[in-house]
């Protein structure tokens, strides 16, 4: 796996967006390259705020009535 390909796969791995065979390849690479594991952890910390924002807040229960009243 070349450097650019690994970087793209690492990003997809962090997002669980790889095929099972690609996941296994990345996991094997991570087992033998501690610097890659550290990079993955930094990437996950960077992406964490995005996953927290994935669920939009529920609208207030009176939204429909307030909209119609307006």
PDB file of N, CA and C in Angstrom:
ATOM      1  N   UNK A   1       0.856  -1.167   0.000  1.00  0.00           N
ATOM      2  CA  UNK A   1       0.000   0.000   0.000  1.00  0.00           C
ATOM      3  C   UNK A   1       0.904   1.234   0.000  1.00  0.00           C
ATOM      4  N   UNK A   2       0.712   2.117  -0.973  1.00  0.00           N
ATOM      5  CA  UNK A   2       1.552   3.318  -1.010  1.00  0.00           C
ATOM      6  C   UNK A   2       1.041   4.348   0.004  1.00  0.00           C
ATOM      7  N   UNK A   3       1.844   5.366   0.198  1.00  0.00           N
ATOM      8  CA  UNK A   3       1.556   6.364   1.243  1.00  0.00           C
ATOM      9  C   UNK A   3       0.223   7.064   0.989  1.00  0.00           C
ATOM     10  N   UNK A   4      -0.016   7.515  -0.229  1.00  0.00           N
ATOM     11  CA  UNK A   4      -1.261   8.222  -0.550  1.00  0.00           C
ATOM     12  C   UNK A   4      -2.463   7.289  -0.408  1.00  0.00           C
ATOM     13  N   UNK A   5      -2.327   6.065  -0.890  1.00  0.00           N
ATOM     14  CA  UNK A   5      -3.410   5.094  -0.768  1.00  0.00           C
ATOM     15  C   UNK A   5      -3.714   4.781   0.681  1.00  0.00           C
ATOM     16  N   UNK A   6      -2.663   4.690   1.488  1.00  0.00           N
ATOM     17  CA  UNK A   6      -2.884   4.419   2.910  1.00  0.00           C
ATOM     18  C   UNK A   6      -3.611   5.580   3.574  1.00  0.00           C
ATOM     19  N   UNK A   7      -3.212   6.801   3.253  1.00  0.00           N
ATOM     20  CA  UNK A   7      -3.860   7.974   3.863  1.00  0.00           C
ATOM     21  C   UNK A   7      -5.352   7.980   3.539  1.00  0.00           C
ATOM     22  N   UNK A   8      -5.702   7.714   2.288  1.00  0.00           N
ATOM     23  CA  UNK A   8      -7.110   7.679   1.899  1.00  0.00           C
ATOM     24  C   UNK A   8      -7.833   6.539   2.614  1.00  0.00           C
ATOM     25  N   UNK A   9      -7.182   5.373   2.689  1.00  0.00           N
ATOM     26  CA  UNK A   9      -7.803   4.245   3.371  1.00  0.00           C
ATOM     27  C   UNK A   9      -7.934   4.500   4.864  1.00  0.00           C
ATOM     28  N   UNK A  10      -6.979   5.196   5.446  1.00  0.00           N
ATOM     29  CA  UNK A  10      -7.044   5.502   6.871  1.00  0.00           C
ATOM     30  C   UNK A  10      -8.239   6.410   7.157  1.00  0.00           C
ATOM     31  N   UNK A  11      -8.453   7.384   6.309  1.00  0.00           N
ATOM     32  CA  UNK A  11      -9.601   8.274   6.475  1.00  0.00           C
ATOM     33  C   UNK A  11     -10.903   7.494   6.340  1.00  0.00           C
ATOM     34  N   UNK A  12     -10.992   6.647   5.335  1.00  0.00           N
ATOM     35  CA  UNK A  12     -12.192   5.829   5.144  1.00  0.00           C
ATOM     36  C   UNK A  12     -12.356   4.832   6.294  1.00  0.00           C
ATOM     37  N   UNK A  13     -11.247   4.290   6.779  1.00  0.00           N
ATOM     38  CA  UNK A  13     -11.288   3.365   7.916  1.00  0.00           C
ATOM     39  C   UNK A  13     -11.861   4.058   9.145  1.00  0.00           C
ATOM     40  N   UNK A  14     -11.426   5.276   9.400  1.00  0.00           N
ATOM     41  CA  UNK A  14     -11.914   6.031  10.557  1.00  0.00           C
ATOM     42  C   UNK A  14     -13.416   6.296  10.450  1.00  0.00           C
ATOM     43  N   UNK A  15     -13.919   6.349   9.220  1.00  0.00           N
ATOM     44  CA  UNK A  15     -15.347   6.601   8.997  1.00  0.00           C
ATOM     45  C   UNK A  15     -16.143   5.318   8.772  1.00  0.00           C
ATOM     46  N   UNK A  16     -15.480   4.153   8.929  1.00  0.00           N
ATOM     47  CA  UNK A  16     -16.109   2.848   8.671  1.00  0.00           C
ATOM     48  C   UNK A  16     -16.699   2.775   7.273  1.00  0.00           C
ATOM     49  N   UNK A  17     -15.934   3.264   6.296  1.00  0.00           N
ATOM     50  CA  UNK A  17     -16.419   3.328   4.923  1.00  0.00           C
ATOM     51  C   UNK A  17     -15.615   2.439   3.975  1.00  0.00           C
ATOM     52  N   UNK A  18     -15.039   1.365   4.495  1.00  0.00           N
ATOM     53  CA  UNK A  18     -14.260   0.451   3.654  1.00  0.00           C
ATOM     54  C   UNK A  18     -14.960  -0.888   3.534  1.00  0.00           C
ATOM     55  N   UNK A  19     -14.629  -1.598   2.470  1.00  0.00           N
ATOM     56  CA  UNK A  19     -15.085  -2.973   2.308  1.00  0.00           C
ATOM     57  C   UNK A  19     -14.366  -3.835   3.344  1.00  0.00           C
ATOM     58  N   UNK A  20     -14.939  -4.967   3.710  1.00  0.00           N
ATOM     59  CA  UNK A  20     -14.312  -5.817   4.730  1.00  0.00           C
ATOM     60  C   UNK A  20     -12.856  -6.191   4.425  1.00  0.00           C
ATOM     61  N   UNK A  21     -12.544  -6.505   3.175  1.00  0.00           N
ATOM     62  CA  UNK A  21     -11.153  -6.869   2.852  1.00  0.00           C
ATOM     63  C   UNK A  21     -10.217  -5.664   3.011  1.00  0.00           C
ATOM     64  N   UNK A  22     -10.696  -4.464   2.693  1.00  0.00           N
ATOM     65  CA  UNK A  22      -9.887  -3.257   2.877  1.00  0.00           C
ATOM     66  C   UNK A  22      -9.711  -2.956   4.359  1.00  0.00           C
ATOM     67  N   UNK A  23     -10.746  -3.197   5.154  1.00  0.00           N
ATOM     68  CA  UNK A  23     -10.646  -3.004   6.609  1.00  0.00           C
ATOM     69  C   UNK A  23      -9.548  -3.908   7.166  1.00  0.00           C
ATOM     70  N   UNK A  24      -9.531  -5.166   6.724  1.00  0.00           N
ATOM     71  CA  UNK A  24      -8.508  -6.103   7.198  1.00  0.00           C
ATOM     72  C   UNK A  24      -7.113  -5.646   6.796  1.00  0.00           C
ATOM     73  N   UNK A  25      -6.956  -5.119   5.584  1.00  0.00           N
ATOM     74  CA  UNK A  25      -5.650  -4.623   5.138  1.00  0.00           C
ATOM     75  C   UNK A  25      -5.168  -3.479   6.019  1.00  0.00           C
ATOM     76  N   UNK A  26      -6.052  -2.544   6.303  1.00  0.00           N
ATOM     77  CA  UNK A  26      -5.683  -1.405   7.150  1.00  0.00           C
ATOM     78  C   UNK A  26      -5.358  -1.883   8.557  1.00  0.00           C
ATOM     79  N   UNK A  27      -6.156  -2.799   9.088  1.00  0.00           N
ATOM     80  CA  UNK A  27      -5.900  -3.319  10.440  1.00  0.00           C
ATOM     81  C   UNK A  27      -4.552  -4.027  10.505  1.00  0.00           C
ATOM     82  N   UNK A  28      -4.204  -4.780   9.475  1.00  0.00           N
ATOM     83  CA  UNK A  28      -2.899  -5.442   9.429  1.00  0.00           C
ATOM     84  C   UNK A  28      -1.782  -4.398   9.401  1.00  0.00           C
ATOM     85  N   UNK A  29      -1.956  -3.367   8.603  1.00  0.00           N
ATOM     86  CA  UNK A  29      -0.963  -2.296   8.523  1.00  0.00           C
ATOM     87  C   UNK A  29      -0.814  -1.616   9.885  1.00  0.00           C
ATOM     88  N   UNK A  30      -1.934  -1.363  10.542  1.00  0.00           N
ATOM     89  CA  UNK A  30      -1.894  -0.700  11.846  1.00  0.00           C
ATOM     90  C   UNK A  30      -1.178  -1.548  12.896  1.00  0.00           C
ATOM     91  N   UNK A  31      -1.328  -2.869  12.809  1.00  0.00           N
ATOM     92  CA  UNK A  31      -0.658  -3.752  13.781  1.00  0.00           C
ATOM     93  C   UNK A  31       0.861  -3.664  13.664  1.00  0.00           C
ATOM     94  N   UNK A  32       1.368  -3.366  12.481  1.00  0.00           N
ATOM     95  CA  UNK A  32       2.815  -3.358  12.273  1.00  0.00           C
ATOM     96  C   UNK A  32       3.418  -1.956  12.168  1.00  0.00           C
ATOM     97  N   UNK A  33       2.578  -0.925  12.251  1.00  0.00           N
ATOM     98  CA  UNK A  33       3.072   0.453  12.122  1.00  0.00           C
ATOM     99  C   UNK A  33       2.475   1.326  13.222  1.00  0.00           C
ATOM    100  N   UNK A  34       3.146   1.416  14.366  1.00  0.00           N
ATOM    101  CA  UNK A  34       2.600   2.210  15.483  1.00  0.00           C
ATOM    102  C   UNK A  34       2.395   3.684  15.138  1.00  0.00           C
ATOM    103  N   UNK A  35       3.200   4.232  14.246  1.00  0.00           N
ATOM    104  CA  UNK A  35       3.020   5.639  13.868  1.00  0.00           C
ATOM    105  C   UNK A  35       1.694   5.823  13.131  1.00  0.00           C
ATOM    106  N   UNK A  36       1.268   4.805  12.393  1.00  0.00           N
ATOM    107  CA  UNK A  36      -0.018   4.869  11.705  1.00  0.00           C
ATOM    108  C   UNK A  36      -1.165   4.811  12.711  1.00  0.00           C
ATOM    109  N   UNK A  37      -0.990   4.016  13.759  1.00  0.00           N
ATOM    110  CA  UNK A  37      -2.001   3.942  14.805  1.00  0.00           C
ATOM    111  C   UNK A  37      -2.150   5.299  15.492  1.00  0.00           C
ATOM    112  N   UNK A  38      -1.054   5.959  15.747  1.00  0.00           N
ATOM    113  CA  UNK A  38      -1.100   7.294  16.351  1.00  0.00           C
ATOM    114  C   UNK A  38      -1.798   8.278  15.412  1.00  0.00           C
ATOM    115  N   UNK A  39      -1.527   8.166  14.122  1.00  0.00           N
ATOM    116  CA  UNK A  39      -2.166   9.035  13.135  1.00  0.00           C
ATOM    117  C   UNK A  39      -3.674   8.779  13.103  1.00  0.00           C
ATOM    118  N   UNK A  40      -4.068   7.513  13.207  1.00  0.00           N
ATOM    119  CA  UNK A  40      -5.490   7.173  13.225  1.00  0.00           C
ATOM    120  C   UNK A  40      -6.167   7.787  14.449  1.00  0.00           C
ATOM    121  N   UNK A  41      -5.535   7.719  15.599  1.00  0.00           N
ATOM    122  CA  UNK A  41      -6.118   8.297  16.811  1.00  0.00           C
ATOM    123  C   UNK A  41      -6.269   9.809  16.686  1.00  0.00           C
ATOM    124  N   UNK A  42      -5.274  10.475  16.090  1.00  0.00           N
ATOM    125  CA  UNK A  42      -5.391  11.928  15.869  1.00  0.00           C
ATOM    126  C   UNK A  42      -6.548  12.228  14.919  1.00  0.00           C
ATOM    127  N   UNK A  43      -6.670  11.412  13.872  1.00  0.00           N
ATOM    128  CA  UNK A  43      -7.747  11.601  12.904  1.00  0.00           C
ATOM    129  C   UNK A  43      -9.105  11.399  13.575  1.00  0.00           C
ATOM    130  N   UNK A  44      -9.229  10.381  14.405  1.00  0.00           N
ATOM    131  CA  UNK A  44     -10.495  10.140  15.108  1.00  0.00           C
ATOM    132  C   UNK A  44     -10.850  11.286  16.047  1.00  0.00           C
ATOM    133  N   UNK A  45      -9.844  11.840  16.737  1.00  0.00           N
ATOM    134  CA  UNK A  45     -10.113  12.992  17.616  1.00  0.00           C
ATOM    135  C   UNK A  45     -10.568  14.192  16.800  1.00  0.00           C
ATOM    136  N   UNK A  46      -9.983  14.362  15.615  1.00  0.00           N
ATOM    137  CA  UNK A  46     -10.362  15.475  14.750  1.00  0.00           C
ATOM    138  C   UNK A  46     -11.788  15.310  14.241  1.00  0.00           C
ATOM    139  N   UNK A  47     -12.173  14.078  13.923  1.00  0.00           N
ATOM    140  CA  UNK A  47     -13.497  13.819  13.369  1.00  0.00           C
ATOM    141  C   UNK A  47     -14.593  13.719  14.438  1.00  0.00           C
ATOM    142  N   UNK A  48     -14.229  13.552  15.687  1.00  0.00           N
ATOM    143  CA  UNK A  48     -15.210  13.339  16.758  1.00  0.00           C
ATOM    144  C   UNK A  48     -16.312  14.398  16.806  1.00  0.00           C
ATOM    145  N   UNK A  49     -16.000  15.688  16.675  1.00  0.00           N
ATOM    146  CA  UNK A  49     -17.085  16.678  16.722  1.00  0.00           C
ATOM    147  C   UNK A  49     -18.103  16.499  15.596  1.00  0.00           C
ATOM    148  N   UNK A  50     -17.676  15.973  14.473  1.00  0.00           N
ATOM    149  CA  UNK A  50     -18.606  15.765  13.370  1.00  0.00           C
ATOM    150  C   UNK A  50     -19.614  14.670  13.693  1.00  0.00           C
ATOM    151  N   UNK A  51     -19.168  13.619  14.355  1.00  0.00           N
ATOM    152  CA  UNK A  51     -20.099  12.540  14.684  1.00  0.00           C
ATOM    153  C   UNK A  51     -21.099  12.987  15.747  1.00  0.00           C
ATOM    154  N   UNK A  52     -20.691  13.872  16.617  1.00  0.00           N
ATOM    155  CA  UNK A  52     -21.607  14.387  17.635  1.00  0.00           C
ATOM    156  C   UNK A  52     -22.706  15.229  16.993  1.00  0.00           C
ATOM    157  N   UNK A  53     -22.405  15.858  15.874  1.00  0.00           N
ATOM    158  CA  UNK A  53     -23.376  16.706  15.195  1.00  0.00           C
ATOM    159  C   UNK A  53     -24.187  15.931  14.161  1.00  0.00           C
ATOM    160  N   UNK A  54     -23.989  14.633  14.056  1.00  0.00           N
ATOM    161  CA  UNK A  54     -24.667  13.841  13.028  1.00  0.00           C
ATOM    162  C   UNK A  54     -26.175  13.798  13.240  1.00  0.00           C
ATOM    163  N   UNK A  55     -26.618  13.782  14.475  1.00  0.00           N
ATOM    164  CA  UNK A  55     -28.050  13.738  14.774  1.00  0.00           C
ATOM    165  C   UNK A  55     -28.569  15.161  14.955  1.00  0.00           C
ATOM    166  N   UNK A  56     -29.459  15.600  14.068  1.00  0.00           N
ATOM    167  CA  UNK A  56     -30.001  16.954  14.250  1.00  0.00           C
ATOM    168  C   UNK A  56     -30.904  16.984  15.475  1.00  0.00           C
ATOM    169  N   UNK A  57     -30.982  18.116  16.115  1.00  0.00           N
ATOM    170  CA  UNK A  57     -31.854  18.212  17.290  1.00  0.00           C
ATOM    171  C   UNK A  57     -33.321  18.078  16.870  1.00  0.00           C
ATOM    172  N   UNK A  58     -34.116  17.556  17.742  1.00  0.00           N
ATOM    173  CA  UNK A  58     -35.548  17.415  17.467  1.00  0.00           C
ATOM    174  C   UNK A  58     -36.198  18.798  17.477  1.00  0.00           C
ATOM    175  N   UNK A  59     -37.149  19.015  16.591  1.00  0.00           N
ATOM    176  CA  UNK A  59     -37.828  20.319  16.602  1.00  0.00           C
ATOM    177  C   UNK A  59     -38.698  20.439  17.853  1.00  0.00           C
ATOM    178  N   UNK A  60     -38.953  21.658  18.285  1.00  0.00           N
ATOM    179  CA  UNK A  60     -39.823  21.825  19.456  1.00  0.00           C
ATOM    180  C   UNK A  60     -41.217  21.272  19.147  1.00  0.00           C
ATOM    181  N   UNK A  61     -41.878  20.723  20.144  1.00  0.00           N
ATOM    182  CA  UNK A  61     -43.190  20.109  19.895  1.00  0.00           C
ATOM    183  C   UNK A  61     -44.240  21.109  19.403  1.00  0.00           C
ATOM    184  N   UNK A  62     -44.026  22.385  19.643  1.00  0.00           N
ATOM    185  CA  UNK A  62     -45.022  23.390  19.229  1.00  0.00           C
ATOM    186  C   UNK A  62     -44.671  24.039  17.887  1.00  0.00           C
ATOM    187  N   UNK A  63     -43.708  23.513  17.190  1.00  0.00           N
ATOM    188  CA  UNK A  63     -43.277  24.136  15.933  1.00  0.00           C
ATOM    189  C   UNK A  63     -44.427  24.271  14.936  1.00  0.00           C
ATOM    190  N   UNK A  64     -45.178  23.209  14.726  1.00  0.00           N
ATOM    191  CA  UNK A  64     -46.266  23.243  13.770  1.00  0.00           C
ATOM    192  C   UNK A  64     -47.305  24.286  14.165  1.00  0.00           C
ATOM    193  N   UNK A  65     -47.724  24.283  15.419  1.00  0.00           N
ATOM    194  CA  UNK A  65     -48.733  25.249  15.850  1.00  0.00           C
ATOM    195  C   UNK A  65     -48.223  26.676  15.764  1.00  0.00           C
ATOM    196  N   UNK A  66     -46.972  26.882  16.150  1.00  0.00           N
ATOM    197  CA  UNK A  66     -46.406  28.237  16.060  1.00  0.00           C
ATOM    198  C   UNK A  66     -46.305  28.697  14.614  1.00  0.00           C
ATOM    199  N   UNK A  67     -45.965  27.799  13.718  1.00  0.00           N
ATOM    200  CA  UNK A  67     -45.841  28.136  12.303  1.00  0.00           C
ATOM    201  C   UNK A  67     -47.219  28.509  11.738  1.00  0.00           C
ATOM    202  N   UNK A  68     -48.204  27.684  12.042  1.00  0.00           N
ATOM    203  CA  UNK A  68     -49.571  27.964  11.544  1.00  0.00           C
ATOM    204  C   UNK A  68     -50.125  29.256  12.147  1.00  0.00           C
ATOM    205  N   UNK A  69     -49.811  29.533  13.398  1.00  0.00           N
ATOM    206  CA  UNK A  69     -50.315  30.743  14.042  1.00  0.00           C
ATOM    207  C   UNK A  69     -49.659  31.989  13.454  1.00  0.00           C
ATOM    208  N   UNK A  70     -48.446  31.836  12.973  1.00  0.00           N
ATOM    209  CA  UNK A  70     -47.739  32.991  12.420  1.00  0.00           C
ATOM    210  C   UNK A  70     -48.366  33.372  11.102  1.00  0.00           C
TER     211      UNK A  70
END
